[in-house]
Protein backbone atom coordinates (compact mmCIF):
# COMPACT_ATOMS: atom_id res chain seq x y z
CA GLN A 1 12.84 15.58 19.05
CA VAL A 2 9.63 13.71 18.39
CA GLN A 3 10.00 10.07 17.42
CA LEU A 4 7.34 8.01 15.70
CA VAL A 5 7.52 4.22 15.61
CA GLU A 6 5.22 2.15 13.43
CA SER A 7 4.30 -1.47 14.08
CA GLY A 8 1.84 -4.07 12.89
CA GLY A 9 2.97 -4.67 9.33
CA GLY A 10 3.44 -8.11 7.85
CA LEU A 11 2.33 -10.60 5.25
CA VAL A 12 -1.40 -11.13 4.80
CA GLN A 13 -3.54 -12.87 2.22
CA PRO A 14 -5.93 -10.92 0.00
CA GLY A 15 -9.12 -10.22 1.91
CA GLY A 16 -7.31 -10.28 5.23
CA SER A 17 -6.89 -7.58 7.85
CA LEU A 18 -4.07 -5.81 9.65
CA THR A 19 -3.92 -3.04 12.20
CA LEU A 20 -1.01 -0.63 12.06
CA SER A 21 -0.06 1.41 15.09
CA CYS A 22 2.17 4.48 15.37
CA ALA A 23 3.51 5.35 18.80
CA ALA A 24 4.79 8.85 19.50
CA SER A 25 7.53 9.61 22.01
CA THR A 26 5.60 12.59 23.32
CA SER A 27 2.04 13.69 23.87
CA ILE A 28 0.14 13.97 20.60
CA ARG A 29 -2.47 16.39 21.91
CA THR A 30 -0.85 19.34 20.15
CA PHE A 31 -0.38 17.59 16.82
CA TYR A 32 -2.92 19.22 14.54
CA ARG A 33 -2.40 16.74 11.72
CA MET A 34 -1.60 13.04 11.96
CA GLY A 35 -1.81 10.53 9.20
CA TRP A 36 -0.67 7.47 7.33
CA TYR A 37 1.15 7.45 4.02
CA ARG A 38 2.35 4.56 1.92
CA GLN A 39 4.93 3.92 -0.75
CA PRO A 40 4.32 0.95 -3.04
CA PRO A 41 7.34 -0.67 -4.67
CA GLY A 42 8.75 1.58 -7.37
CA GLN A 43 6.15 4.29 -6.79
CA GLU A 44 5.86 7.66 -5.10
CA ARG A 45 4.76 8.02 -1.49
CA GLU A 46 1.06 8.84 -1.20
CA LEU A 47 -1.34 9.91 1.49
CA VAL A 48 -3.64 7.12 2.69
CA ALA A 49 -5.61 8.80 5.46
CA HIS A 50 -5.21 11.65 7.89
CA ILE A 51 -6.90 13.44 10.74
CA VAL A 52 -6.70 17.23 10.55
CA ASN A 53 -8.16 19.11 13.49
CA GLY A 54 -10.55 16.21 14.06
CA VAL A 55 -11.62 15.88 10.42
CA ILE A 56 -10.83 12.56 8.77
CA ASN A 57 -10.05 12.05 5.10
CA TYR A 58 -9.20 8.95 3.08
CA ILE A 59 -7.99 8.40 -0.42
CA GLU A 60 -10.70 6.93 -2.62
CA SER A 61 -9.11 3.51 -3.00
CA VAL A 62 -9.26 2.73 0.74
CA LYS A 63 -12.64 4.23 1.64
CA GLY A 64 -14.84 1.67 3.34
CA ARG A 65 -11.89 -0.64 3.99
CA PHE A 66 -9.49 1.39 6.16
CA THR A 67 -10.21 3.23 9.40
CA ILE A 68 -7.86 5.75 10.98
CA SER A 69 -8.07 6.67 14.63
CA ARG A 70 -6.01 8.47 17.23
CA ASP A 71 -5.75 7.79 20.94
CA ASN A 72 -4.50 10.86 22.78
CA ALA A 73 -4.26 8.94 26.07
CA LYS A 74 -1.89 6.38 24.56
CA ASN A 75 -0.17 8.80 22.17
CA THR A 76 -0.90 6.54 19.23
CA ILE A 77 -2.50 6.73 15.84
CA ASN A 78 -3.84 3.55 14.30
CA LEU A 79 -4.89 2.31 10.89
CA GLN A 80 -7.29 -0.61 10.75
CA MET A 81 -7.08 -2.19 7.31
CA ASN A 82 -9.73 -4.66 6.17
CA ASN A 83 -10.33 -6.50 2.91
CA LEU A 84 -6.72 -5.95 1.90
CA LYS A 85 -5.81 -6.16 -1.76
CA PRO A 86 -2.48 -6.87 -3.48
CA GLU A 87 -2.35 -3.22 -4.55
CA ASP A 88 -2.23 -2.23 -0.86
CA THR A 89 1.27 -3.69 -0.70
CA ALA A 90 3.60 -0.90 0.40
CA VAL A 91 5.73 0.50 3.16
CA TYR A 92 3.37 2.42 5.44
CA TYR A 93 4.61 5.53 7.19
CA CYS A 94 3.17 7.55 10.04
CA LYS A 95 3.41 11.34 9.85
CA ALA A 96 2.65 13.97 12.45
CA GLU A 97 2.74 17.76 12.26
CA GLN A 98 3.20 20.10 15.17
CA TYR A 99 4.00 23.83 15.19
CA GLY A 100 4.84 23.72 11.48
CA ILE A 101 7.26 20.81 11.79
CA SER A 102 6.66 17.41 10.19
CA TYR A 103 7.83 14.18 11.75
CA TRP A 104 7.99 10.79 10.04
CA GLY A 105 8.36 7.25 11.26
CA LYS A 106 10.67 4.80 9.54
CA GLY A 107 7.83 2.74 8.13
CA THR A 108 6.41 -0.75 8.36
CA LEU A 109 6.05 -3.11 5.41
CA VAL A 110 2.66 -4.51 4.45
CA THR A 111 2.63 -7.29 1.88
CA VAL A 112 -0.67 -8.58 0.54
CA SER A 113 -0.13 -11.82 -1.33
CA SER A 114 -1.45 -15.34 -1.61
């Protein structure tokens, strides 16, 4: 069973930065899709960014502010978030897909507030 554990969330002021990290319990080399999702309070979970067979995509609202990356040597996927806005407040989840099976982390809370 693959386990994903997110870290790096917290409280940050508008305009600030955070880096989220997702550590996998196994090698991520065979994961063809890895990404970050978020669920704002009272809203549906949405895709933020993902890497699919090496191709990176972002939702429009985070383009130019967020950067996703994966480190196969460390079995991690990271999300660098800059110029954070109050509307980025959400629980952020890591997701990985391997051999047709999806795995989710338990999430890390990001709160953007002054």
